[in-house]
N, C-alpha and C. Protein backbone atom coordinates (compact mmCIF):
# COMPACT_ATOMS: atom_id res chain seq x y z
N UNK A 1 69.07 40.55 97.45
CA UNK A 1 68.44 41.63 96.74
C UNK A 1 67.20 42.04 97.51
N UNK A 2 66.99 43.32 97.66
CA UNK A 2 65.81 43.82 98.34
C UNK A 2 64.85 44.40 97.33
N UNK A 3 63.59 44.40 97.66
CA UNK A 3 62.57 44.98 96.79
C UNK A 3 62.11 46.28 97.40
N UNK A 4 62.02 47.30 96.57
CA UNK A 4 61.54 48.60 97.03
C UNK A 4 60.18 48.87 96.40
N UNK A 5 59.62 50.04 96.66
CA UNK A 5 58.33 50.40 96.09
C UNK A 5 58.42 50.55 94.58
N UNK A 6 59.62 50.80 94.06
CA UNK A 6 59.79 50.98 92.62
C UNK A 6 60.11 49.68 91.88
N UNK A 7 60.27 48.58 92.59
CA UNK A 7 60.59 47.31 91.97
C UNK A 7 59.37 46.77 91.22
N UNK A 8 59.56 46.47 89.94
CA UNK A 8 58.46 45.93 89.14
C UNK A 8 58.38 44.42 89.36
N UNK A 9 57.21 43.97 89.74
CA UNK A 9 56.98 42.54 89.96
C UNK A 9 56.19 41.97 88.78
N UNK A 10 56.39 40.70 88.47
CA UNK A 10 55.64 40.10 87.36
C UNK A 10 54.16 40.00 87.68
N UNK A 11 53.34 40.03 86.64
CA UNK A 11 51.89 39.90 86.84
C UNK A 11 51.55 38.43 87.12
N UNK A 12 50.33 38.20 87.58
CA UNK A 12 49.90 36.83 87.87
C UNK A 12 49.93 35.95 86.63
N UNK A 13 49.59 36.53 85.48
CA UNK A 13 49.58 35.74 84.25
C UNK A 13 50.99 35.28 83.85
N UNK A 14 52.00 36.06 84.20
CA UNK A 14 53.38 35.68 83.89
C UNK A 14 53.89 34.57 84.81
N UNK A 15 53.26 34.42 85.95
CA UNK A 15 53.70 33.43 86.93
C UNK A 15 53.04 32.07 86.75
N UNK A 16 52.08 31.98 85.85
CA UNK A 16 51.38 30.72 85.61
C UNK A 16 52.26 29.80 84.77
N UNK A 17 52.42 28.56 85.22
CA UNK A 17 53.20 27.57 84.48
C UNK A 17 52.27 26.45 84.03
N UNK A 18 52.58 25.78 82.90
CA UNK A 18 51.68 24.72 82.41
C UNK A 18 51.48 23.60 83.42
N UNK A 19 52.55 23.18 84.08
CA UNK A 19 52.44 22.11 85.07
C UNK A 19 53.47 22.36 86.15
N UNK A 20 53.02 22.42 87.39
CA UNK A 20 53.94 22.67 88.49
C UNK A 20 54.64 21.39 88.88
N UNK A 21 55.84 21.55 89.40
CA UNK A 21 56.61 20.42 89.91
C UNK A 21 56.00 19.99 91.24
N UNK A 22 55.62 18.76 91.34
CA UNK A 22 54.92 18.30 92.54
C UNK A 22 55.81 17.48 93.47
N UNK A 23 57.11 17.57 93.29
CA UNK A 23 58.02 16.82 94.15
C UNK A 23 58.35 17.63 95.40
N UNK A 24 58.54 16.95 96.50
CA UNK A 24 58.93 17.63 97.73
C UNK A 24 60.45 17.69 97.83
N UNK A 25 60.94 18.38 98.81
CA UNK A 25 62.38 18.58 98.98
C UNK A 25 63.18 17.28 99.06
N UNK A 26 62.77 16.27 99.83
CA UNK A 26 63.57 15.04 99.87
C UNK A 26 63.76 14.39 98.50
N UNK A 27 62.72 14.43 97.67
CA UNK A 27 62.83 13.85 96.33
C UNK A 27 63.82 14.64 95.49
N UNK A 28 63.74 15.96 95.57
CA UNK A 28 64.66 16.79 94.78
C UNK A 28 66.10 16.59 95.25
N UNK A 29 66.31 16.50 96.56
CA UNK A 29 67.66 16.28 97.08
C UNK A 29 68.20 14.92 96.64
N UNK A 30 67.32 13.95 96.50
CA UNK A 30 67.75 12.62 96.09
C UNK A 30 68.20 12.58 94.63
N UNK A 31 67.58 13.37 93.77
CA UNK A 31 67.91 13.32 92.34
C UNK A 31 68.87 14.40 91.89
N UNK A 32 69.24 15.32 92.78
CA UNK A 32 70.10 16.42 92.36
C UNK A 32 71.46 15.93 91.87
N UNK A 33 71.96 14.84 92.41
CA UNK A 33 73.23 14.28 91.97
C UNK A 33 73.14 13.86 90.51
N UNK A 34 72.03 13.23 90.14
CA UNK A 34 71.84 12.79 88.76
C UNK A 34 71.62 13.98 87.83
N UNK A 35 70.94 15.01 88.32
CA UNK A 35 70.74 16.20 87.50
C UNK A 35 72.08 16.88 87.23
N UNK A 36 72.92 16.94 88.25
CA UNK A 36 74.25 17.53 88.07
C UNK A 36 75.10 16.73 87.10
N UNK A 37 75.02 15.41 87.19
CA UNK A 37 75.79 14.56 86.28
C UNK A 37 75.33 14.74 84.85
N UNK A 38 74.04 14.94 84.65
CA UNK A 38 73.49 15.13 83.31
C UNK A 38 73.99 16.45 82.70
N UNK A 39 74.17 17.47 83.52
CA UNK A 39 74.61 18.79 83.03
C UNK A 39 76.12 18.95 83.02
N UNK A 40 76.84 17.95 83.51
CA UNK A 40 78.29 18.08 83.68
C UNK A 40 79.01 18.38 82.37
N UNK A 41 78.63 17.71 81.29
CA UNK A 41 79.31 17.94 80.01
C UNK A 41 79.12 19.36 79.52
N UNK A 42 77.90 19.88 79.66
CA UNK A 42 77.61 21.23 79.19
C UNK A 42 78.34 22.29 80.03
N UNK A 43 78.49 22.04 81.32
CA UNK A 43 79.09 23.02 82.22
C UNK A 43 80.59 22.83 82.39
N UNK A 44 81.15 21.77 81.87
CA UNK A 44 82.54 21.42 82.14
C UNK A 44 83.51 22.53 81.76
N UNK A 45 83.34 23.12 80.59
CA UNK A 45 84.28 24.16 80.14
C UNK A 45 84.26 25.35 81.08
N UNK A 46 83.05 25.84 81.43
CA UNK A 46 82.95 27.00 82.31
C UNK A 46 83.54 26.73 83.68
N UNK A 47 83.22 25.58 84.25
CA UNK A 47 83.71 25.25 85.58
C UNK A 47 85.23 25.06 85.56
N UNK A 48 85.74 24.37 84.53
CA UNK A 48 87.18 24.14 84.43
C UNK A 48 87.93 25.44 84.24
N UNK A 49 87.43 26.31 83.35
CA UNK A 49 88.09 27.60 83.13
C UNK A 49 88.12 28.43 84.41
N UNK A 50 87.01 28.43 85.14
CA UNK A 50 86.91 29.20 86.37
C UNK A 50 87.87 28.66 87.43
N UNK A 51 87.90 27.34 87.58
CA UNK A 51 88.80 26.72 88.56
C UNK A 51 90.26 26.95 88.19
N UNK A 52 90.57 26.84 86.89
CA UNK A 52 91.95 27.08 86.43
C UNK A 52 92.35 28.52 86.68
N UNK A 53 91.43 29.45 86.41
CA UNK A 53 91.72 30.86 86.64
C UNK A 53 91.99 31.12 88.12
N UNK A 54 91.16 30.55 88.99
CA UNK A 54 91.39 30.73 90.43
C UNK A 54 92.73 30.15 90.85
N UNK A 55 93.08 29.01 90.28
CA UNK A 55 94.33 28.34 90.63
C UNK A 55 95.55 29.15 90.18
N UNK A 56 95.48 29.73 88.97
CA UNK A 56 96.62 30.45 88.39
C UNK A 56 96.61 31.94 88.68
N UNK A 57 95.55 32.46 89.20
CA UNK A 57 95.33 33.90 89.31
C UNK A 57 96.32 34.58 90.25
N UNK A 58 97.02 35.56 89.72
CA UNK A 58 97.88 36.46 90.51
C UNK A 58 98.75 35.74 91.53
N UNK A 59 99.45 34.75 91.09
CA UNK A 59 100.39 34.08 91.97
C UNK A 59 99.75 33.27 93.07
N UNK A 60 98.55 32.75 92.84
CA UNK A 60 97.90 31.90 93.82
C UNK A 60 97.07 32.63 94.86
N UNK A 61 96.73 33.90 94.62
CA UNK A 61 95.90 34.63 95.58
C UNK A 61 94.46 34.13 95.61
N UNK A 62 94.02 33.48 94.53
CA UNK A 62 92.67 32.93 94.41
C UNK A 62 91.60 33.99 94.63
N UNK A 63 91.77 35.15 94.01
CA UNK A 63 90.79 36.22 94.13
C UNK A 63 89.70 36.05 93.08
N UNK A 64 88.48 35.89 93.53
CA UNK A 64 87.35 35.63 92.63
C UNK A 64 87.12 36.76 91.63
N UNK A 65 87.19 38.03 92.01
CA UNK A 65 86.85 39.09 91.03
C UNK A 65 87.70 39.07 89.76
N UNK A 66 88.92 38.59 89.82
CA UNK A 66 89.78 38.55 88.64
C UNK A 66 89.36 37.46 87.66
N UNK A 67 88.52 36.55 88.07
CA UNK A 67 88.17 35.40 87.24
C UNK A 67 86.74 35.43 86.74
N UNK A 68 86.06 36.51 86.90
CA UNK A 68 84.66 36.56 86.48
C UNK A 68 84.49 37.42 85.24
N UNK A 69 85.09 36.99 84.14
CA UNK A 69 84.99 37.74 82.89
C UNK A 69 83.55 37.89 82.44
N UNK A 70 82.75 36.87 82.60
CA UNK A 70 81.36 36.92 82.16
C UNK A 70 80.44 37.57 83.18
N UNK A 71 80.91 37.71 84.40
CA UNK A 71 80.08 38.30 85.44
C UNK A 71 79.97 39.81 85.27
N UNK A 72 81.02 40.46 84.80
CA UNK A 72 81.01 41.91 84.71
C UNK A 72 79.97 42.46 83.73
N UNK A 73 79.82 41.90 82.52
CA UNK A 73 78.75 42.41 81.64
C UNK A 73 77.36 42.25 82.25
N UNK A 74 77.13 41.15 82.98
CA UNK A 74 75.85 40.94 83.64
C UNK A 74 75.64 41.98 84.73
N UNK A 75 76.67 42.23 85.53
CA UNK A 75 76.57 43.23 86.59
C UNK A 75 76.24 44.60 86.03
N UNK A 76 76.89 44.97 84.92
CA UNK A 76 76.65 46.27 84.30
C UNK A 76 75.21 46.36 83.80
N UNK A 77 74.73 45.30 83.16
CA UNK A 77 73.36 45.27 82.63
C UNK A 77 72.34 45.40 83.76
N UNK A 78 72.51 44.64 84.83
CA UNK A 78 71.58 44.69 85.96
C UNK A 78 71.59 46.07 86.60
N UNK A 79 72.77 46.68 86.71
CA UNK A 79 72.85 48.01 87.31
C UNK A 79 72.17 49.05 86.43
N UNK A 80 72.37 48.97 85.12
CA UNK A 80 71.76 49.94 84.21
C UNK A 80 70.25 49.76 84.11
N UNK A 81 69.80 48.52 83.97
CA UNK A 81 68.38 48.26 83.72
C UNK A 81 67.54 48.25 85.00
N UNK A 82 68.12 47.76 86.10
CA UNK A 82 67.33 47.59 87.32
C UNK A 82 67.79 48.49 88.46
N UNK A 83 68.94 49.11 88.31
CA UNK A 83 69.45 49.97 89.37
C UNK A 83 69.96 49.22 90.59
N UNK A 84 70.36 47.96 90.40
CA UNK A 84 70.84 47.14 91.52
C UNK A 84 72.34 46.92 91.35
N UNK A 85 73.12 47.34 92.35
CA UNK A 85 74.56 47.13 92.30
C UNK A 85 74.90 45.80 92.96
N UNK A 86 75.89 45.13 92.40
CA UNK A 86 76.35 43.87 92.97
C UNK A 86 77.10 44.18 94.26
N UNK A 87 76.76 43.49 95.37
CA UNK A 87 77.48 43.73 96.62
C UNK A 87 78.92 43.23 96.54
N UNK A 88 79.75 43.79 97.37
CA UNK A 88 81.15 43.38 97.43
C UNK A 88 81.24 41.93 97.90
N UNK A 89 82.32 41.26 97.53
CA UNK A 89 82.55 39.88 97.96
C UNK A 89 82.59 39.84 99.48
N UNK A 90 81.86 38.93 100.08
CA UNK A 90 81.80 38.80 101.52
C UNK A 90 80.67 39.57 102.18
N UNK A 91 79.90 40.33 101.40
CA UNK A 91 78.83 41.15 101.96
C UNK A 91 77.81 40.31 102.72
N UNK A 92 77.41 39.18 102.15
CA UNK A 92 76.37 38.37 102.76
C UNK A 92 76.88 37.52 103.92
N UNK A 93 78.17 37.44 104.12
CA UNK A 93 78.70 36.69 105.25
C UNK A 93 78.97 37.59 106.46
N UNK A 94 78.76 38.88 106.30
CA UNK A 94 78.97 39.82 107.40
C UNK A 94 77.69 40.00 108.21
N UNK A 95 77.85 40.41 109.45
CA UNK A 95 76.72 40.69 110.31
C UNK A 95 76.15 42.05 109.94
N UNK A 96 74.84 42.12 109.75
CA UNK A 96 74.18 43.38 109.41
C UNK A 96 73.19 43.74 110.50
N UNK A 97 73.16 45.01 110.84
CA UNK A 97 72.24 45.49 111.87
C UNK A 97 71.34 46.53 111.23
N UNK A 98 70.04 46.34 111.37
CA UNK A 98 69.08 47.24 110.76
C UNK A 98 68.26 47.93 111.83
N UNK A 99 67.94 49.17 111.59
CA UNK A 99 67.07 49.92 112.48
C UNK A 99 65.65 49.81 111.91
N UNK A 100 64.70 49.32 112.68
CA UNK A 100 63.34 49.18 112.15
C UNK A 100 62.71 50.55 111.89
N UNK A 101 61.74 50.55 110.96
CA UNK A 101 61.05 51.79 110.64
C UNK A 101 60.18 52.27 111.79
N UNK A 102 59.68 51.34 112.58
CA UNK A 102 58.81 51.70 113.69
C UNK A 102 59.13 50.77 114.86
N UNK A 103 58.77 51.20 116.03
CA UNK A 103 59.02 50.41 117.22
C UNK A 103 57.86 49.44 117.41
N UNK A 104 58.15 48.16 117.41
CA UNK A 104 57.09 47.15 117.54
C UNK A 104 56.79 46.82 118.99
N UNK A 105 57.60 47.30 119.92
CA UNK A 105 57.40 46.99 121.32
C UNK A 105 56.81 48.20 122.05
N UNK A 106 55.99 47.92 123.03
CA UNK A 106 55.45 48.99 123.87
C UNK A 106 56.11 48.91 125.23
N UNK A 107 55.89 49.91 126.03
CA UNK A 107 56.52 49.94 127.35
C UNK A 107 55.98 48.84 128.26
N UNK A 108 54.77 48.36 128.01
CA UNK A 108 54.16 47.34 128.87
C UNK A 108 54.60 45.93 128.53
N UNK A 109 55.30 45.73 127.43
CA UNK A 109 55.70 44.38 127.02
C UNK A 109 56.81 43.84 127.86
C-alpha cells in the first residue's frame, strides 16, 4: 500500500500505547510457535475451511480468489472508504520499475 498526500494518518495521541513491547526480534521469534499454538483452536475453523476450499476448488486448480468469501466484503469496504484497490494475485512478486520524480544524479557523478 502506498501513501499519497490525501492519505489520512493517525494523530500522535492515537499512537500512544499504555506500555510498549520491549522484546527484541530474537525473543519474539522464539515465542511465536507458542503464540501460534495458543491461537490454533480459535483459528482452526477458518484455516481448515480455507485449506479444504483450495483442495476441492474447481477440480484441483487451487485458485485462491475462489476461496476468499470473507475477503471480498473487506476489499469492497477498503475500496469505498479509503479508495485503495486490492492488487491482483502475484502483483507483489513481479518486478516493478519506477521512474523517479527527479533526477538525483548530476553529470559530474
